[in-house]
Amino acid sequence: MISQQNLKTIRGYIISRPKNSGGDDAGIALQDEGGEEFLIIPRGMGLDLADYINAKIEISGLVREQDECKSIQVRRYVLQDEYEDQWYDDGK
């Protein structure tokens, strides 16, 4: 299928993706306020975001859509709150 690319700014939360069928880590994603997920491409600034699982964030980047899977290559990000103090829950 044809791949589309757009520069967008999206607000949401960093989430951990479930492991794939081989047991390998499937990376992280941005889940927007509507529940849509964008796989974060692990390049450049996207590498920094693994430290911010569950953080509320605003990301600007290049969005790609291919075969109904959306991904974002991060160009800029801004943390929206102090996630550790306000709402982060690691289950302990």
C-alpha atoms as a PDB file:
ATOM      1  CA  MET A   1       0.000   0.000   0.000  1.00  0.00           C
ATOM      2  CA  ILE A   2       0.940   3.637  -0.362  1.00  0.00           C
ATOM      3  CA  SER A   3       2.678   5.223   2.625  1.00  0.00           C
ATOM      4  CA  GLN A   4       1.608   8.744   3.664  1.00  0.00           C
ATOM      5  CA  GLN A   5       3.815  11.113   5.651  1.00  0.00           C
ATOM      6  CA  ASN A   6       2.771  14.211   7.625  1.00  0.00           C
ATOM      7  CA  LEU A   7       4.395  16.483  10.176  1.00  0.00           C
ATOM      8  CA  LYS A   8       2.044  16.550  13.180  1.00  0.00           C
ATOM      9  CA  THR A   9       1.896  17.519  16.838  1.00  0.00           C
ATOM     10  CA  ILE A  10       0.115  14.968  19.030  1.00  0.00           C
ATOM     11  CA  ARG A  11      -0.671  14.998  22.766  1.00  0.00           C
ATOM     12  CA  GLY A  12      -1.013  11.799  24.728  1.00  0.00           C
ATOM     13  CA  TYR A  13       0.865   9.257  26.844  1.00  0.00           C
ATOM     14  CA  ILE A  14       3.939   7.111  26.274  1.00  0.00           C
ATOM     15  CA  ILE A  15       2.997   3.442  26.549  1.00  0.00           C
ATOM     16  CA  SER A  16       4.931   0.196  26.409  1.00  0.00           C
ATOM     17  CA  ARG A  17       3.926  -2.101  23.566  1.00  0.00           C
ATOM     18  CA  PRO A  18       3.214  -5.774  24.356  1.00  0.00           C
ATOM     19  CA  LYS A  19       5.956  -8.255  23.560  1.00  0.00           C
ATOM     20  CA  ASN A  20       5.643  -9.887  20.167  1.00  0.00           C
ATOM     21  CA  SER A  21       5.028 -13.607  19.651  1.00  0.00           C
ATOM     22  CA  GLY A  22       8.778 -14.311  19.825  1.00  0.00           C
ATOM     23  CA  GLY A  23       8.975 -12.704  23.289  1.00  0.00           C
ATOM     24  CA  ASP A  24      10.926  -9.707  22.021  1.00  0.00           C
ATOM     25  CA  ASP A  25      10.193  -6.188  23.238  1.00  0.00           C
ATOM     26  CA  ALA A  26       7.952  -4.450  20.697  1.00  0.00           C
ATOM     27  CA  GLY A  27       9.035  -0.929  21.654  1.00  0.00           C
ATOM     28  CA  ILE A  28       7.039   2.037  22.834  1.00  0.00           C
ATOM     29  CA  ALA A  29       4.162   4.039  21.403  1.00  0.00           C
ATOM     30  CA  LEU A  30       2.328   7.305  21.827  1.00  0.00           C
ATOM     31  CA  GLN A  31      -1.335   6.833  22.688  1.00  0.00           C
ATOM     32  CA  ASP A  32      -3.243  10.004  21.875  1.00  0.00           C
ATOM     33  CA  GLU A  33      -6.168  11.353  23.874  1.00  0.00           C
ATOM     34  CA  GLY A  34      -8.579   9.505  21.552  1.00  0.00           C
ATOM     35  CA  GLY A  35      -6.882   6.135  22.130  1.00  0.00           C
ATOM     36  CA  GLU A  36      -5.086   5.946  18.777  1.00  0.00           C
ATOM     37  CA  GLU A  37      -1.547   4.518  18.920  1.00  0.00           C
ATOM     38  CA  PHE A  38       1.546   5.674  17.059  1.00  0.00           C
ATOM     39  CA  LEU A  39       4.617   3.417  17.225  1.00  0.00           C
ATOM     40  CA  ILE A  40       7.617   5.562  18.167  1.00  0.00           C
ATOM     41  CA  ILE A  41      10.479   5.005  15.749  1.00  0.00           C
ATOM     42  CA  PRO A  42      13.585   4.308  17.882  1.00  0.00           C
ATOM     43  CA  ARG A  43      15.806   6.932  16.236  1.00  0.00           C
ATOM     44  CA  GLY A  44      17.009  10.357  17.297  1.00  0.00           C
ATOM     45  CA  MET A  45      14.806  11.921  19.977  1.00  0.00           C
ATOM     46  CA  GLY A  46      12.570   8.838  19.973  1.00  0.00           C
ATOM     47  CA  LEU A  47      15.312   6.964  21.841  1.00  0.00           C
ATOM     48  CA  ASP A  48      14.917   9.323  24.827  1.00  0.00           C
ATOM     49  CA  LEU A  49      11.264   8.457  25.373  1.00  0.00           C
ATOM     50  CA  ALA A  50      11.743   4.928  26.763  1.00  0.00           C
ATOM     51  CA  ASP A  51      12.537   6.649  30.084  1.00  0.00           C
ATOM     52  CA  TYR A  52       9.086   8.261  30.156  1.00  0.00           C
ATOM     53  CA  ILE A  53       6.618   5.343  30.107  1.00  0.00           C
ATOM     54  CA  ASN A  54       3.193   6.604  31.298  1.00  0.00           C
ATOM     55  CA  ALA A  55       4.221  10.257  30.962  1.00  0.00           C
ATOM     56  CA  LYS A  56       1.803  12.792  29.515  1.00  0.00           C
ATOM     57  CA  ILE A  57       3.619  14.339  26.564  1.00  0.00           C
ATOM     58  CA  GLU A  58       3.322  16.451  23.435  1.00  0.00           C
ATOM     59  CA  ILE A  59       5.271  15.103  20.450  1.00  0.00           C
ATOM     60  CA  SER A  60       5.922  16.744  17.101  1.00  0.00           C
ATOM     61  CA  GLY A  61       7.221  14.560  14.342  1.00  0.00           C
ATOM     62  CA  LEU A  62       6.855  12.875  11.023  1.00  0.00           C
ATOM     63  CA  VAL A  63       3.838  10.546  11.018  1.00  0.00           C
ATOM     64  CA  ARG A  64       3.818   7.592   8.654  1.00  0.00           C
ATOM     65  CA  GLU A  65       0.860   5.354   7.952  1.00  0.00           C
ATOM     66  CA  GLN A  66       1.259   2.036   6.223  1.00  0.00           C
ATOM     67  CA  ASP A  67      -1.235  -0.825   6.185  1.00  0.00           C
ATOM     68  CA  GLU A  68      -3.270   0.791   8.994  1.00  0.00           C
ATOM     69  CA  CYS A  69      -0.220   0.974  11.276  1.00  0.00           C
ATOM     70  CA  LYS A  70       0.837   4.487  12.303  1.00  0.00           C
ATOM     71  CA  SER A  71       4.318   5.446  13.440  1.00  0.00           C
ATOM     72  CA  ILE A  72       6.000   8.713  14.382  1.00  0.00           C
ATOM     73  CA  GLN A  73       9.614   9.810  14.031  1.00  0.00           C
ATOM     74  CA  VAL A  74      10.053  12.286  16.885  1.00  0.00           C
ATOM     75  CA  ARG A  75      11.443  15.724  16.038  1.00  0.00           C
ATOM     76  CA  ARG A  76      10.513  17.461  19.317  1.00  0.00           C
ATOM     77  CA  TYR A  77       8.811  16.573  22.576  1.00  0.00           C
ATOM     78  CA  VAL A  78       7.630  18.382  25.705  1.00  0.00           C
ATOM     79  CA  LEU A  79       6.648  16.622  28.916  1.00  0.00           C
ATOM     80  CA  GLN A  80       3.246  17.900  30.016  1.00  0.00           C
ATOM     81  CA  ASP A  81       3.432  17.154  33.749  1.00  0.00           C
ATOM     82  CA  GLU A  82       5.550  15.735  36.528  1.00  0.00           C
ATOM     83  CA  TYR A  83       4.441  12.173  35.811  1.00  0.00           C
ATOM     84  CA  GLU A  84       6.215  10.602  38.775  1.00  0.00           C
ATOM     85  CA  ASP A  85       4.483  12.846  41.286  1.00  0.00           C
ATOM     86  CA  GLN A  86       1.031  13.396  39.809  1.00  0.00           C
ATOM     87  CA  TRP A  87      -0.304  10.165  38.356  1.00  0.00           C
ATOM     88  CA  TYR A  88       2.404   7.621  37.538  1.00  0.00           C
ATOM     89  CA  ASP A  89       1.636   4.243  39.082  1.00  0.00           C
ATOM     90  CA  ASP A  90       4.163   1.439  38.734  1.00  0.00           C
ATOM     91  CA  GLY A  91       1.923  -1.058  40.527  1.00  0.00           C
ATOM     92  CA  LYS A  92       3.790  -1.029  43.846  1.00  0.00           C
END
